[in-house]
Structures are given as C-alpha cells and as structure tokens.
Amino acid sequence: MSISTNALALQTQAVYNVFIPNGPFVRLPVGQMLFDLDADLPRTDIPGQCRYYVEWANGAYLPISADGFVIEGKSHGGASCLRRAFTKNNGLVQKDPTYPFYGFDRFQQFRSVSMFLLGQSGKTGDVHGVIQFAATVGSPPSFMANSIELAIAGP
C-alpha cells in the first residue's frame, strides 16, 4: 500500500483514491471517494455514531458517480464527530444499514454494495478494508468479498 503517512481517517472534504487489489502485486484503481460529515448520531444505550455521506466517482472514460452513507462508531475520549472528521482515529467504519450504498467493482461497473467495512489507523492514517457487492439482477448471489484500499489524493 502507498497510503500517505499523514492521511487522516475519513478526513472531511479530502479526496481519496480507491483501489481494489487484484492479486498480491496489482492494485486496480476504481475511482475516487469524498467523505462529508453528515450527522452526529447520539445514543443513550450505547456510544453514538458519526455518519458520513460518501460520493464515489469512478475512473472510467465516461465517469459517473455513486453514493451512500457510512457510520463510524464513537469511542471513549473520541465522542466529537467534528473533531474525528479532522484527526487520525483508531476505529471502524461500515455501511449504514438504513440507506442504500452504491459503488464500482474492479471492472468499473455500477453495483449495489452489500458490505463495506473499513479499518483506520490512528497512528498512520491508513484506511483499508473489505467490500462485497450485491448480486445483479438475473445472476447468482455474489459471496466474494474484495479488499479495498483508500489513499488520500495529493501532489
């Protein structure tokens, strides 16, 4: 992985290059993601969550975009969503189950996402995880999960 060491976890308004690895030595570029802090979701029974809106633009010749929402769990000492959006955090980000989420597979095809799970390192800012695309109409269900890597775009 070539992720910038000063990358911030889900940095609001930063552009992330998105890659789906295809074997141990090949990373296929599948566009760019932009995260935007959407809501602070306080809870009384468990720690709250921070919700981000995600826009995912593919890298194809005729670009289109997909979108969805992800949630990041708060932790003790890290309950401010605004602060979390601008600092490195250890944490877990997942697809918000209450909203549909769409993205692009390694062939740049627009697909519904059934699982999206990212881990982030508070030390390095690395963001990587797993994505699983839903089956398309008329095809058998997809059980294959793919690795996914995000790197902050920069000079």
C-alpha atoms as a PDB file:
ATOM      1  CA  MET A   1       0.000   0.000   0.000  1.00  0.00           C
ATOM      2  CA  SER A   2       1.162   3.508  -0.709  1.00  0.00           C
ATOM      3  CA  ILE A   3      -1.010   5.484   1.650  1.00  0.00           C
ATOM      4  CA  SER A   4       0.311   8.805   2.826  1.00  0.00           C
ATOM      5  CA  THR A   5       1.588   8.688   6.406  1.00  0.00           C
ATOM      6  CA  ASN A   6      -0.121  11.990   7.178  1.00  0.00           C
ATOM      7  CA  ALA A   7      -3.506  10.783   5.907  1.00  0.00           C
ATOM      8  CA  LEU A   8      -6.401  11.496   8.232  1.00  0.00           C
ATOM      9  CA  ALA A   9      -9.099   8.927   8.807  1.00  0.00           C
ATOM     10  CA  LEU A  10     -12.211   9.904   6.864  1.00  0.00           C
ATOM     11  CA  GLN A  11     -10.975  13.438   6.530  1.00  0.00           C
ATOM     12  CA  THR A  12     -13.962  15.543   5.551  1.00  0.00           C
ATOM     13  CA  GLN A  13     -13.664  17.032   2.069  1.00  0.00           C
ATOM     14  CA  ALA A  14     -10.421  15.171   1.261  1.00  0.00           C
ATOM     15  CA  VAL A  15     -10.340  13.189  -1.970  1.00  0.00           C
ATOM     16  CA  TYR A  16      -9.365   9.530  -1.578  1.00  0.00           C
ATOM     17  CA  ASN A  17      -8.100   7.414  -4.458  1.00  0.00           C
ATOM     18  CA  VAL A  18      -9.789   3.998  -4.267  1.00  0.00           C
ATOM     19  CA  PHE A  19      -8.129   0.703  -5.201  1.00  0.00           C
ATOM     20  CA  ILE A  20      -9.314  -2.900  -5.282  1.00  0.00           C
ATOM     21  CA  PRO A  21      -6.321  -5.258  -5.135  1.00  0.00           C
ATOM     22  CA  ASN A  22      -6.261  -7.962  -7.804  1.00  0.00           C
ATOM     23  CA  GLY A  23      -3.663 -10.382  -6.507  1.00  0.00           C
ATOM     24  CA  PRO A  24      -0.672  -9.629  -4.325  1.00  0.00           C
ATOM     25  CA  PHE A  25       1.046  -7.118  -6.632  1.00  0.00           C
ATOM     26  CA  VAL A  26      -1.714  -5.367  -8.612  1.00  0.00           C
ATOM     27  CA  ARG A  27      -3.974  -2.588  -7.324  1.00  0.00           C
ATOM     28  CA  LEU A  28      -6.793  -1.680  -9.696  1.00  0.00           C
ATOM     29  CA  PRO A  29      -7.887   1.976  -9.477  1.00  0.00           C
ATOM     30  CA  VAL A  30     -11.680   2.221  -9.183  1.00  0.00           C
ATOM     31  CA  GLY A  31     -12.169   5.959  -8.863  1.00  0.00           C
ATOM     32  CA  GLN A  32     -12.229   8.427  -6.012  1.00  0.00           C
ATOM     33  CA  MET A  33     -14.262   8.854  -2.815  1.00  0.00           C
ATOM     34  CA  LEU A  34     -15.174  12.007  -0.980  1.00  0.00           C
ATOM     35  CA  PHE A  35     -16.443  11.798   2.614  1.00  0.00           C
ATOM     36  CA  ASP A  36     -18.546  14.566   4.122  1.00  0.00           C
ATOM     37  CA  LEU A  37     -19.553  14.594   7.796  1.00  0.00           C
ATOM     38  CA  ASP A  38     -23.336  14.378   7.699  1.00  0.00           C
ATOM     39  CA  ALA A  39     -24.609  13.871  11.245  1.00  0.00           C
ATOM     40  CA  ASP A  40     -23.740  13.256  14.856  1.00  0.00           C
ATOM     41  CA  LEU A  41     -25.999  10.413  15.957  1.00  0.00           C
ATOM     42  CA  PRO A  42     -26.090  10.397  19.757  1.00  0.00           C
ATOM     43  CA  ARG A  43     -27.362   7.295  21.513  1.00  0.00           C
ATOM     44  CA  THR A  44     -28.332   6.765  25.132  1.00  0.00           C
ATOM     45  CA  ASP A  45     -27.844   2.991  25.352  1.00  0.00           C
ATOM     46  CA  ILE A  46     -24.501   2.674  23.516  1.00  0.00           C
ATOM     47  CA  PRO A  47     -21.849   5.119  22.342  1.00  0.00           C
ATOM     48  CA  GLY A  48     -23.117   7.205  19.459  1.00  0.00           C
ATOM     49  CA  GLN A  49     -22.018   7.245  15.866  1.00  0.00           C
ATOM     50  CA  CYS A  50     -20.787   9.708  13.284  1.00  0.00           C
ATOM     51  CA  ARG A  51     -22.455   9.436   9.888  1.00  0.00           C
ATOM     52  CA  TYR A  52     -20.688  10.441   6.674  1.00  0.00           C
ATOM     53  CA  TYR A  53     -22.122  10.936   3.205  1.00  0.00           C
ATOM     54  CA  VAL A  54     -19.900   9.283   0.586  1.00  0.00           C
ATOM     55  CA  GLU A  55     -19.682  10.208  -3.082  1.00  0.00           C
ATOM     56  CA  TRP A  56     -17.760   7.697  -5.194  1.00  0.00           C
ATOM     57  CA  ALA A  57     -16.809   8.768  -8.730  1.00  0.00           C
ATOM     58  CA  ASN A  58     -15.496   6.017 -10.964  1.00  0.00           C
ATOM     59  CA  GLY A  59     -12.405   6.361 -13.143  1.00  0.00           C
ATOM     60  CA  ALA A  60     -13.952   5.195 -16.404  1.00  0.00           C
ATOM     61  CA  TYR A  61     -13.863   7.024 -19.749  1.00  0.00           C
ATOM     62  CA  LEU A  62     -17.419   8.274 -19.178  1.00  0.00           C
ATOM     63  CA  PRO A  63     -17.360   8.964 -15.440  1.00  0.00           C
ATOM     64  CA  ILE A  64     -20.428   8.575 -13.257  1.00  0.00           C
ATOM     65  CA  SER A  65     -20.832   8.726  -9.522  1.00  0.00           C
ATOM     66  CA  ALA A  66     -22.370   6.549  -6.850  1.00  0.00           C
ATOM     67  CA  ASP A  67     -23.175   7.402  -3.265  1.00  0.00           C
ATOM     68  CA  GLY A  68     -24.214   6.175   0.134  1.00  0.00           C
ATOM     69  CA  PHE A  69     -23.732   6.667   3.852  1.00  0.00           C
ATOM     70  CA  VAL A  70     -21.226   5.151   6.274  1.00  0.00           C
ATOM     71  CA  ILE A  71     -21.142   5.232  10.054  1.00  0.00           C
ATOM     72  CA  GLU A  72     -18.186   5.412  12.380  1.00  0.00           C
ATOM     73  CA  GLY A  73     -18.597   4.375  15.986  1.00  0.00           C
ATOM     74  CA  LYS A  74     -17.590   6.848  18.674  1.00  0.00           C
ATOM     75  CA  SER A  75     -15.199   5.809  21.389  1.00  0.00           C
ATOM     76  CA  HIS A  76     -14.423   6.961  24.903  1.00  0.00           C
ATOM     77  CA  GLY A  77     -12.340  10.107  24.534  1.00  0.00           C
ATOM     78  CA  GLY A  78     -13.386  10.459  20.899  1.00  0.00           C
ATOM     79  CA  ALA A  79     -17.057  11.410  21.037  1.00  0.00           C
ATOM     80  CA  SER A  80     -16.863  14.594  18.964  1.00  0.00           C
ATOM     81  CA  CYS A  81     -17.751  13.866  15.354  1.00  0.00           C
ATOM     82  CA  LEU A  82     -16.411  17.240  14.268  1.00  0.00           C
ATOM     83  CA  ARG A  83     -13.039  16.516  15.899  1.00  0.00           C
ATOM     84  CA  ARG A  84     -12.996  12.969  14.487  1.00  0.00           C
ATOM     85  CA  ALA A  85     -13.552  14.339  10.959  1.00  0.00           C
ATOM     86  CA  PHE A  86     -10.255  16.249  11.139  1.00  0.00           C
ATOM     87  CA  THR A  87      -7.962  13.964  13.164  1.00  0.00           C
ATOM     88  CA  LYS A  88      -6.482  10.476  12.956  1.00  0.00           C
ATOM     89  CA  ASN A  89      -8.529   7.855  14.817  1.00  0.00           C
ATOM     90  CA  ASN A  90      -8.435   4.173  15.532  1.00  0.00           C
ATOM     91  CA  GLY A  91     -11.812   2.927  14.526  1.00  0.00           C
ATOM     92  CA  LEU A  92     -14.156   1.050  12.313  1.00  0.00           C
ATOM     93  CA  VAL A  93     -16.304   2.443   9.506  1.00  0.00           C
ATOM     94  CA  GLN A  94     -19.164   0.473   7.982  1.00  0.00           C
ATOM     95  CA  LYS A  95     -22.017   0.915   5.546  1.00  0.00           C
ATOM     96  CA  ASP A  96     -25.039   2.482   7.218  1.00  0.00           C
ATOM     97  CA  PRO A  97     -27.651  -0.311   7.070  1.00  0.00           C
ATOM     98  CA  THR A  98     -30.574   2.138   6.908  1.00  0.00           C
ATOM     99  CA  TYR A  99     -29.555   3.557   3.494  1.00  0.00           C
ATOM    100  CA  PRO A 100     -28.602   2.001   0.149  1.00  0.00           C
ATOM    101  CA  PHE A 101     -24.943   2.198  -0.832  1.00  0.00           C
ATOM    102  CA  TYR A 102     -23.577   2.006  -4.376  1.00  0.00           C
ATOM    103  CA  GLY A 103     -20.088   1.781  -5.798  1.00  0.00           C
ATOM    104  CA  PHE A 104     -17.920   0.386  -8.578  1.00  0.00           C
ATOM    105  CA  ASP A 105     -16.391  -3.051  -8.920  1.00  0.00           C
ATOM    106  CA  ARG A 106     -12.958  -3.747 -10.393  1.00  0.00           C
ATOM    107  CA  PHE A 107     -14.468  -3.550 -13.907  1.00  0.00           C
ATOM    108  CA  GLN A 108     -15.833  -0.023 -13.217  1.00  0.00           C
ATOM    109  CA  GLN A 109     -19.390  -1.380 -13.211  1.00  0.00           C
ATOM    110  CA  PHE A 110     -22.004   0.411 -11.093  1.00  0.00           C
ATOM    111  CA  ARG A 111     -23.073  -2.036  -8.372  1.00  0.00           C
ATOM    112  CA  SER A 112     -25.071  -2.132  -5.176  1.00  0.00           C
ATOM    113  CA  VAL A 113     -22.844  -2.727  -2.151  1.00  0.00           C
ATOM    114  CA  SER A 114     -23.986  -5.251   0.443  1.00  0.00           C
ATOM    115  CA  MET A 115     -20.985  -4.940   2.805  1.00  0.00           C
ATOM    116  CA  PHE A 116     -18.493  -2.108   3.232  1.00  0.00           C
ATOM    117  CA  LEU A 117     -16.141  -2.224   6.200  1.00  0.00           C
ATOM    118  CA  LEU A 118     -13.069  -0.031   6.672  1.00  0.00           C
ATOM    119  CA  GLY A 119     -10.445  -0.043   9.384  1.00  0.00           C
ATOM    120  CA  GLN A 120      -8.462   3.063  10.115  1.00  0.00           C
ATOM    121  CA  SER A 121      -5.230   3.522  11.988  1.00  0.00           C
ATOM    122  CA  GLY A 122      -4.918   6.458  14.363  1.00  0.00           C
ATOM    123  CA  LYS A 123      -1.138   6.227  14.122  1.00  0.00           C
ATOM    124  CA  THR A 124      -0.578   6.187  10.361  1.00  0.00           C
ATOM    125  CA  GLY A 125      -3.954   7.214   8.958  1.00  0.00           C
ATOM    126  CA  ASP A 126      -4.084   4.065   6.785  1.00  0.00           C
ATOM    127  CA  VAL A 127      -7.602   3.242   5.578  1.00  0.00           C
ATOM    128  CA  HIS A 128      -8.296  -0.229   4.201  1.00  0.00           C
ATOM    129  CA  GLY A 129     -10.982  -2.858   4.450  1.00  0.00           C
ATOM    130  CA  VAL A 130     -13.416  -5.178   2.727  1.00  0.00           C
ATOM    131  CA  ILE A 131     -16.202  -4.590   0.204  1.00  0.00           C
ATOM    132  CA  GLN A 132     -18.818  -7.040  -1.061  1.00  0.00           C
ATOM    133  CA  PHE A 133     -21.046  -6.216  -3.999  1.00  0.00           C
ATOM    134  CA  ALA A 134     -24.637  -7.393  -4.176  1.00  0.00           C
ATOM    135  CA  ALA A 135     -25.707  -9.718  -6.974  1.00  0.00           C
ATOM    136  CA  THR A 136     -27.025  -8.128 -10.119  1.00  0.00           C
ATOM    137  CA  VAL A 137     -30.497  -8.983 -11.387  1.00  0.00           C
ATOM    138  CA  GLY A 138     -30.564 -12.373 -13.075  1.00  0.00           C
ATOM    139  CA  SER A 139     -27.236 -13.550 -11.709  1.00  0.00           C
ATOM    140  CA  PRO A 140     -26.389 -15.813  -8.792  1.00  0.00           C
ATOM    141  CA  PRO A 141     -25.620 -14.149  -5.449  1.00  0.00           C
ATOM    142  CA  SER A 142     -22.078 -12.880  -5.012  1.00  0.00           C
ATOM    143  CA  PHE A 143     -20.309 -14.237  -1.967  1.00  0.00           C
ATOM    144  CA  MET A 144     -16.910 -12.896  -2.947  1.00  0.00           C
ATOM    145  CA  ALA A 145     -15.539 -10.118  -0.802  1.00  0.00           C
ATOM    146  CA  ASN A 146     -12.788  -7.860  -2.151  1.00  0.00           C
ATOM    147  CA  SER A 147     -10.116  -5.923  -0.326  1.00  0.00           C
ATOM    148  CA  ILE A 148     -10.365  -2.169  -0.732  1.00  0.00           C
ATOM    149  CA  GLU A 149      -7.723   0.481  -0.073  1.00  0.00           C
ATOM    150  CA  LEU A 150      -8.074   4.260   0.167  1.00  0.00           C
ATOM    151  CA  ALA A 151      -5.232   6.735  -0.211  1.00  0.00           C
ATOM    152  CA  ILE A 152      -5.570  10.497   0.125  1.00  0.00           C
ATOM    153  CA  ALA A 153      -5.005  12.076  -3.282  1.00  0.00           C
ATOM    154  CA  GLY A 154      -2.269  14.613  -3.275  1.00  0.00           C
ATOM    155  CA  PRO A 155       0.682  16.047  -5.089  1.00  0.00           C
END
